[in-house]
Amino acid sequence: MTQDDVQRIFNCNENFICGIGIIVSVNAFINVAGFKDCEPTKAAMLVFDGGTKGYYDLIMSLSE
């Protein structure tokens, strides 16, 4: 997943993702949270998160 993928999926043009009171940099989302190797789809991110990384609510609150 690239920065462009994240911005497209979350419909943002910024270097951060905001939703439900959470602000995460795109870089941190990709590299720190580990989504770099995830397929660039919302469904794949939900499976990758598996309810363990704490990004489920953020992913669900933002639309493709």
PDB file of N, CA and C in Angstrom:
ATOM      1  N   MET A   1       0.844  -1.158   0.000  1.00  0.00           N
ATOM      2  CA  MET A   1       0.000   0.000   0.000  1.00  0.00           C
ATOM      3  C   MET A   1       0.896   1.230   0.000  1.00  0.00           C
ATOM      4  N   THR A   2       0.524   2.205  -0.794  1.00  0.00           N
ATOM      5  CA  THR A   2       1.293   3.439  -0.894  1.00  0.00           C
ATOM      6  C   THR A   2       0.519   4.604  -0.288  1.00  0.00           C
ATOM      7  N   GLN A   3       1.181   5.744  -0.176  1.00  0.00           N
ATOM      8  CA  GLN A   3       0.516   6.941   0.316  1.00  0.00           C
ATOM      9  C   GLN A   3      -0.667   7.297  -0.585  1.00  0.00           C
ATOM     10  N   ASP A   4      -0.492   7.182  -1.889  1.00  0.00           N
ATOM     11  CA  ASP A   4      -1.594   7.462  -2.820  1.00  0.00           C
ATOM     12  C   ASP A   4      -2.783   6.537  -2.575  1.00  0.00           C
ATOM     13  N   ASP A   5      -2.521   5.262  -2.303  1.00  0.00           N
ATOM     14  CA  ASP A   5      -3.599   4.307  -2.003  1.00  0.00           C
ATOM     15  C   ASP A   5      -4.375   4.745  -0.763  1.00  0.00           C
ATOM     16  N   VAL A   6      -3.646   5.086   0.298  1.00  0.00           N
ATOM     17  CA  VAL A   6      -4.287   5.492   1.544  1.00  0.00           C
ATOM     18  C   VAL A   6      -5.130   6.747   1.323  1.00  0.00           C
ATOM     19  N   GLN A   7      -4.573   7.718   0.604  1.00  0.00           N
ATOM     20  CA  GLN A   7      -5.314   8.953   0.346  1.00  0.00           C
ATOM     21  C   GLN A   7      -6.561   8.686  -0.497  1.00  0.00           C
ATOM     22  N   ARG A   8      -6.476   7.774  -1.431  1.00  0.00           N
ATOM     23  CA  ARG A   8      -7.640   7.428  -2.259  1.00  0.00           C
ATOM     24  C   ARG A   8      -8.692   6.714  -1.422  1.00  0.00           C
ATOM     25  N   ILE A   9      -8.290   5.724  -0.655  1.00  0.00           N
ATOM     26  CA  ILE A   9      -9.219   4.938   0.144  1.00  0.00           C
ATOM     27  C   ILE A   9      -9.938   5.811   1.171  1.00  0.00           C
ATOM     28  N   PHE A  10      -9.180   6.701   1.830  1.00  0.00           N
ATOM     29  CA  PHE A  10      -9.768   7.545   2.865  1.00  0.00           C
ATOM     30  C   PHE A  10     -10.235   8.897   2.337  1.00  0.00           C
ATOM     31  N   ASN A  11     -10.167   9.073   1.015  1.00  0.00           N
ATOM     32  CA  ASN A  11     -10.664  10.288   0.362  1.00  0.00           C
ATOM     33  C   ASN A  11     -10.078  11.549   0.994  1.00  0.00           C
ATOM     34  N   CYS A  12      -8.747  11.575   1.083  1.00  0.00           N
ATOM     35  CA  CYS A  12      -8.087  12.752   1.645  1.00  0.00           C
ATOM     36  C   CYS A  12      -6.896  13.117   0.771  1.00  0.00           C
ATOM     37  N   ASN A  13      -6.541  14.378   0.816  1.00  0.00           N
ATOM     38  CA  ASN A  13      -5.384  14.851   0.064  1.00  0.00           C
ATOM     39  C   ASN A  13      -4.282  15.321   0.992  1.00  0.00           C
ATOM     40  N   GLU A  14      -4.415  15.008   2.258  1.00  0.00           N
ATOM     41  CA  GLU A  14      -3.464  15.452   3.275  1.00  0.00           C
ATOM     42  C   GLU A  14      -2.491  14.323   3.608  1.00  0.00           C
ATOM     43  N   ASN A  15      -1.532  14.637   4.464  1.00  0.00           N
ATOM     44  CA  ASN A  15      -0.573  13.631   4.916  1.00  0.00           C
ATOM     45  C   ASN A  15      -1.002  12.999   6.234  1.00  0.00           C
ATOM     46  N   PHE A  16      -2.281  13.172   6.585  1.00  0.00           N
ATOM     47  CA  PHE A  16      -2.809  12.552   7.790  1.00  0.00           C
ATOM     48  C   PHE A  16      -4.252  12.130   7.552  1.00  0.00           C
ATOM     49  N   ILE A  17      -4.715  11.188   8.363  1.00  0.00           N
ATOM     50  CA  ILE A  17      -6.065  10.656   8.290  1.00  0.00           C
ATOM     51  C   ILE A  17      -6.773  11.083   9.573  1.00  0.00           C
ATOM     52  N   CYS A  18      -7.960  11.643   9.460  1.00  0.00           N
ATOM     53  CA  CYS A  18      -8.737  12.064  10.623  1.00  0.00           C
ATOM     54  C   CYS A  18     -10.081  11.358  10.611  1.00  0.00           C
ATOM     55  N   GLY A  19     -10.488  10.876  11.742  1.00  0.00           N
ATOM     56  CA  GLY A  19     -11.804  10.274  11.870  1.00  0.00           C
ATOM     57  C   GLY A  19     -12.063   9.839  13.288  1.00  0.00           C
ATOM     58  N   ILE A  20     -13.292   9.925  13.722  1.00  0.00           N
ATOM     59  CA  ILE A  20     -13.752   9.543  15.063  1.00  0.00           C
ATOM     60  C   ILE A  20     -12.796   9.970  16.173  1.00  0.00           C
ATOM     61  N   GLY A  21     -12.271  11.187  16.078  1.00  0.00           N
ATOM     62  CA  GLY A  21     -11.384  11.696  17.113  1.00  0.00           C
ATOM     63  C   GLY A  21      -9.967  11.165  17.050  1.00  0.00           C
ATOM     64  N   ILE A  22      -9.611  10.510  15.960  1.00  0.00           N
ATOM     65  CA  ILE A  22      -8.277   9.939  15.787  1.00  0.00           C
ATOM     66  C   ILE A  22      -7.580  10.669  14.640  1.00  0.00           C
ATOM     67  N   ILE A  23      -6.332  11.038  14.852  1.00  0.00           N
ATOM     68  CA  ILE A  23      -5.515  11.603  13.790  1.00  0.00           C
ATOM     69  C   ILE A  23      -4.279  10.735  13.661  1.00  0.00           C
ATOM     70  N   VAL A  24      -4.050  10.213  12.459  1.00  0.00           N
ATOM     71  CA  VAL A  24      -2.916   9.329  12.198  1.00  0.00           C
ATOM     72  C   VAL A  24      -2.229   9.832  10.940  1.00  0.00           C
ATOM     73  N   SER A  25      -0.909   9.952  10.978  1.00  0.00           N
ATOM     74  CA  SER A  25      -0.210  10.336   9.756  1.00  0.00           C
ATOM     75  C   SER A  25      -0.273   9.171   8.776  1.00  0.00           C
ATOM     76  N   VAL A  26      -0.310   9.495   7.497  1.00  0.00           N
ATOM     77  CA  VAL A  26      -0.336   8.450   6.470  1.00  0.00           C
ATOM     78  C   VAL A  26       0.913   7.594   6.594  1.00  0.00           C
ATOM     79  N   ASN A  27       2.056   8.218   6.842  1.00  0.00           N
ATOM     80  CA  ASN A  27       3.304   7.476   6.990  1.00  0.00           C
ATOM     81  C   ASN A  27       3.225   6.493   8.154  1.00  0.00           C
ATOM     82  N   ALA A  28       2.695   6.932   9.279  1.00  0.00           N
ATOM     83  CA  ALA A  28       2.569   6.037  10.443  1.00  0.00           C
ATOM     84  C   ALA A  28       1.593   4.907  10.145  1.00  0.00           C
ATOM     85  N   PHE A  29       0.506   5.217   9.470  1.00  0.00           N
ATOM     86  CA  PHE A  29      -0.482   4.194   9.131  1.00  0.00           C
ATOM     87  C   PHE A  29       0.154   3.110   8.264  1.00  0.00           C
ATOM     88  N   ILE A  30       0.962   3.533   7.307  1.00  0.00           N
ATOM     89  CA  ILE A  30       1.585   2.583   6.380  1.00  0.00           C
ATOM     90  C   ILE A  30       2.739   1.826   7.048  1.00  0.00           C
ATOM     91  N   ASN A  31       3.654   2.566   7.665  1.00  0.00           N
ATOM     92  CA  ASN A  31       4.896   1.954   8.139  1.00  0.00           C
ATOM     93  C   ASN A  31       4.863   1.497   9.598  1.00  0.00           C
ATOM     94  N   VAL A  32       4.322   2.295  10.494  1.00  0.00           N
ATOM     95  CA  VAL A  32       4.322   1.940  11.912  1.00  0.00           C
ATOM     96  C   VAL A  32       3.226   0.923  12.215  1.00  0.00           C
ATOM     97  N   ALA A  33       2.014   1.178  11.721  1.00  0.00           N
ATOM     98  CA  ALA A  33       0.908   0.251  11.973  1.00  0.00           C
ATOM     99  C   ALA A  33       1.025  -1.001  11.115  1.00  0.00           C
ATOM    100  N   GLY A  34       1.879  -0.948  10.080  1.00  0.00           N
ATOM    101  CA  GLY A  34       2.163  -2.148   9.303  1.00  0.00           C
ATOM    102  C   GLY A  34       1.305  -2.388   8.076  1.00  0.00           C
ATOM    103  N   PHE A  35       0.545  -1.397   7.652  1.00  0.00           N
ATOM    104  CA  PHE A  35      -0.331  -1.595   6.502  1.00  0.00           C
ATOM    105  C   PHE A  35       0.418  -1.538   5.160  1.00  0.00           C
ATOM    106  N   LYS A  36       1.719  -1.346   5.203  1.00  0.00           N
ATOM    107  CA  LYS A  36       2.535  -1.255   3.983  1.00  0.00           C
ATOM    108  C   LYS A  36       2.366  -2.487   3.101  1.00  0.00           C
ATOM    109  N   ASP A  37       2.301  -3.658   3.687  1.00  0.00           N
ATOM    110  CA  ASP A  37       2.213  -4.893   2.917  1.00  0.00           C
ATOM    111  C   ASP A  37       0.775  -5.357   2.683  1.00  0.00           C
ATOM    112  N   CYS A  38      -0.180  -4.538   3.094  1.00  0.00           N
ATOM    113  CA  CYS A  38      -1.592  -4.873   2.941  1.00  0.00           C
ATOM    114  C   CYS A  38      -2.070  -4.485   1.540  1.00  0.00           C
ATOM    115  N   GLU A  39      -2.996  -5.256   1.003  1.00  0.00           N
ATOM    116  CA  GLU A  39      -3.609  -4.899  -0.280  1.00  0.00           C
ATOM    117  C   GLU A  39      -4.334  -3.563  -0.111  1.00  0.00           C
ATOM    118  N   PRO A  40      -4.329  -2.710  -1.124  1.00  0.00           N
ATOM    119  CA  PRO A  40      -4.910  -1.378  -0.998  1.00  0.00           C
ATOM    120  C   PRO A  40      -6.429  -1.333  -1.154  1.00  0.00           C
ATOM    121  N   THR A  41      -7.139  -2.044  -0.278  1.00  0.00           N
ATOM    122  CA  THR A  41      -8.596  -1.975  -0.248  1.00  0.00           C
ATOM    123  C   THR A  41      -9.053  -1.890   1.199  1.00  0.00           C
ATOM    124  N   LYS A  42     -10.228  -1.323   1.390  1.00  0.00           N
ATOM    125  CA  LYS A  42     -10.792  -1.219   2.739  1.00  0.00           C
ATOM    126  C   LYS A  42     -11.013  -2.612   3.335  1.00  0.00           C
ATOM    127  N   ALA A  43     -11.527  -3.532   2.531  1.00  0.00           N
ATOM    128  CA  ALA A  43     -11.785  -4.895   3.009  1.00  0.00           C
ATOM    129  C   ALA A  43     -10.492  -5.575   3.467  1.00  0.00           C
ATOM    130  N   ALA A  44      -9.428  -5.424   2.694  1.00  0.00           N
ATOM    131  CA  ALA A  44      -8.141  -6.037   3.049  1.00  0.00           C
ATOM    132  C   ALA A  44      -7.584  -5.426   4.336  1.00  0.00           C
ATOM    133  N   MET A  45      -7.776  -4.111   4.511  1.00  0.00           N
ATOM    134  CA  MET A  45      -7.300  -3.474   5.733  1.00  0.00           C
ATOM    135  C   MET A  45      -8.047  -4.006   6.954  1.00  0.00           C
ATOM    136  N   LEU A  46      -9.345  -4.224   6.820  1.00  0.00           N
ATOM    137  CA  LEU A  46     -10.129  -4.753   7.942  1.00  0.00           C
ATOM    138  C   LEU A  46      -9.667  -6.154   8.317  1.00  0.00           C
ATOM    139  N   VAL A  47      -9.386  -6.980   7.318  1.00  0.00           N
ATOM    140  CA  VAL A  47      -8.888  -8.335   7.584  1.00  0.00           C
ATOM    141  C   VAL A  47      -7.501  -8.261   8.222  1.00  0.00           C
ATOM    142  N   PHE A  48      -6.637  -7.406   7.681  1.00  0.00           N
ATOM    143  CA  PHE A  48      -5.283  -7.260   8.200  1.00  0.00           C
ATOM    144  C   PHE A  48      -5.313  -6.772   9.652  1.00  0.00           C
ATOM    145  N   ASP A  49      -6.203  -5.813   9.949  1.00  0.00           N
ATOM    146  CA  ASP A  49      -6.330  -5.297  11.309  1.00  0.00           C
ATOM    147  C   ASP A  49      -6.798  -6.402  12.251  1.00  0.00           C
ATOM    148  N   GLY A  50      -7.756  -7.188  11.793  1.00  0.00           N
ATOM    149  CA  GLY A  50      -8.244  -8.315  12.575  1.00  0.00           C
ATOM    150  C   GLY A  50      -8.732  -7.955  13.972  1.00  0.00           C
ATOM    151  N   GLY A  51      -9.056  -6.687  14.177  1.00  0.00           N
ATOM    152  CA  GLY A  51      -9.527  -6.256  15.489  1.00  0.00           C
ATOM    153  C   GLY A  51      -8.434  -6.148  16.528  1.00  0.00           C
ATOM    154  N   THR A  52      -7.171  -6.273  16.117  1.00  0.00           N
ATOM    155  CA  THR A  52      -6.074  -6.255  17.086  1.00  0.00           C
ATOM    156  C   THR A  52      -5.251  -4.975  17.064  1.00  0.00           C
ATOM    157  N   LYS A  53      -5.242  -4.266  15.962  1.00  0.00           N
ATOM    158  CA  LYS A  53      -4.424  -3.060  15.853  1.00  0.00           C
ATOM    159  C   LYS A  53      -5.177  -1.806  16.296  1.00  0.00           C
ATOM    160  N   GLY A  54      -6.486  -1.900  16.437  1.00  0.00           N
ATOM    161  CA  GLY A  54      -7.276  -0.767  16.893  1.00  0.00           C
ATOM    162  C   GLY A  54      -7.689   0.205  15.808  1.00  0.00           C
ATOM    163  N   TYR A  55      -7.557  -0.188  14.555  1.00  0.00           N
ATOM    164  CA  TYR A  55      -7.912   0.708  13.454  1.00  0.00           C
ATOM    165  C   TYR A  55      -9.285   0.405  12.858  1.00  0.00           C
ATOM    166  N   TYR A  56      -9.990  -0.568  13.375  1.00  0.00           N
ATOM    167  CA  TYR A  56     -11.287  -0.957  12.824  1.00  0.00           C
ATOM    168  C   TYR A  56     -12.255   0.229  12.750  1.00  0.00           C
ATOM    169  N   ASP A  57     -12.425   0.940  13.865  1.00  0.00           N
ATOM    170  CA  ASP A  57     -13.354   2.063  13.899  1.00  0.00           C
ATOM    171  C   ASP A  57     -12.948   3.165  12.922  1.00  0.00           C
ATOM    172  N   LEU A  58     -11.653   3.450  12.842  1.00  0.00           N
ATOM    173  CA  LEU A  58     -11.172   4.475  11.905  1.00  0.00           C
ATOM    174  C   LEU A  58     -11.461   4.040  10.471  1.00  0.00           C
ATOM    175  N   ILE A  59     -11.112   2.816  10.128  1.00  0.00           N
ATOM    176  CA  ILE A  59     -11.328   2.308   8.771  1.00  0.00           C
ATOM    177  C   ILE A  59     -12.804   2.347   8.420  1.00  0.00           C
ATOM    178  N   MET A  60     -13.654   1.936   9.336  1.00  0.00           N
ATOM    179  CA  MET A  60     -15.082   1.908   9.081  1.00  0.00           C
ATOM    180  C   MET A  60     -15.693   3.299   9.003  1.00  0.00           C
ATOM    181  N   SER A  61     -15.111   4.268   9.686  1.00  0.00           N
ATOM    182  CA  SER A  61     -15.683   5.615   9.721  1.00  0.00           C
ATOM    183  C   SER A  61     -15.400   6.402   8.447  1.00  0.00           C
ATOM    184  N   LEU A  62     -14.460   5.943   7.675  1.00  0.00           N
ATOM    185  CA  LEU A  62     -14.086   6.640   6.449  1.00  0.00           C
ATOM    186  C   LEU A  62     -14.449   5.797   5.250  1.00  0.00           C
ATOM    187  N   SER A  63     -14.886   6.424   4.194  1.00  0.00           N
ATOM    188  CA  SER A  63     -15.353   5.653   3.024  1.00  0.00           C
ATOM    189  C   SER A  63     -14.391   5.759   1.860  1.00  0.00           C
ATOM    190  N   GLU A  64     -14.473   4.746   0.988  1.00  0.00           N
ATOM    191  CA  GLU A  64     -13.676   4.764  -0.244  1.00  0.00           C
ATOM    192  C   GLU A  64     -14.336   5.674  -1.230  1.00  0.00           C
TER     193      GLU A  64
END
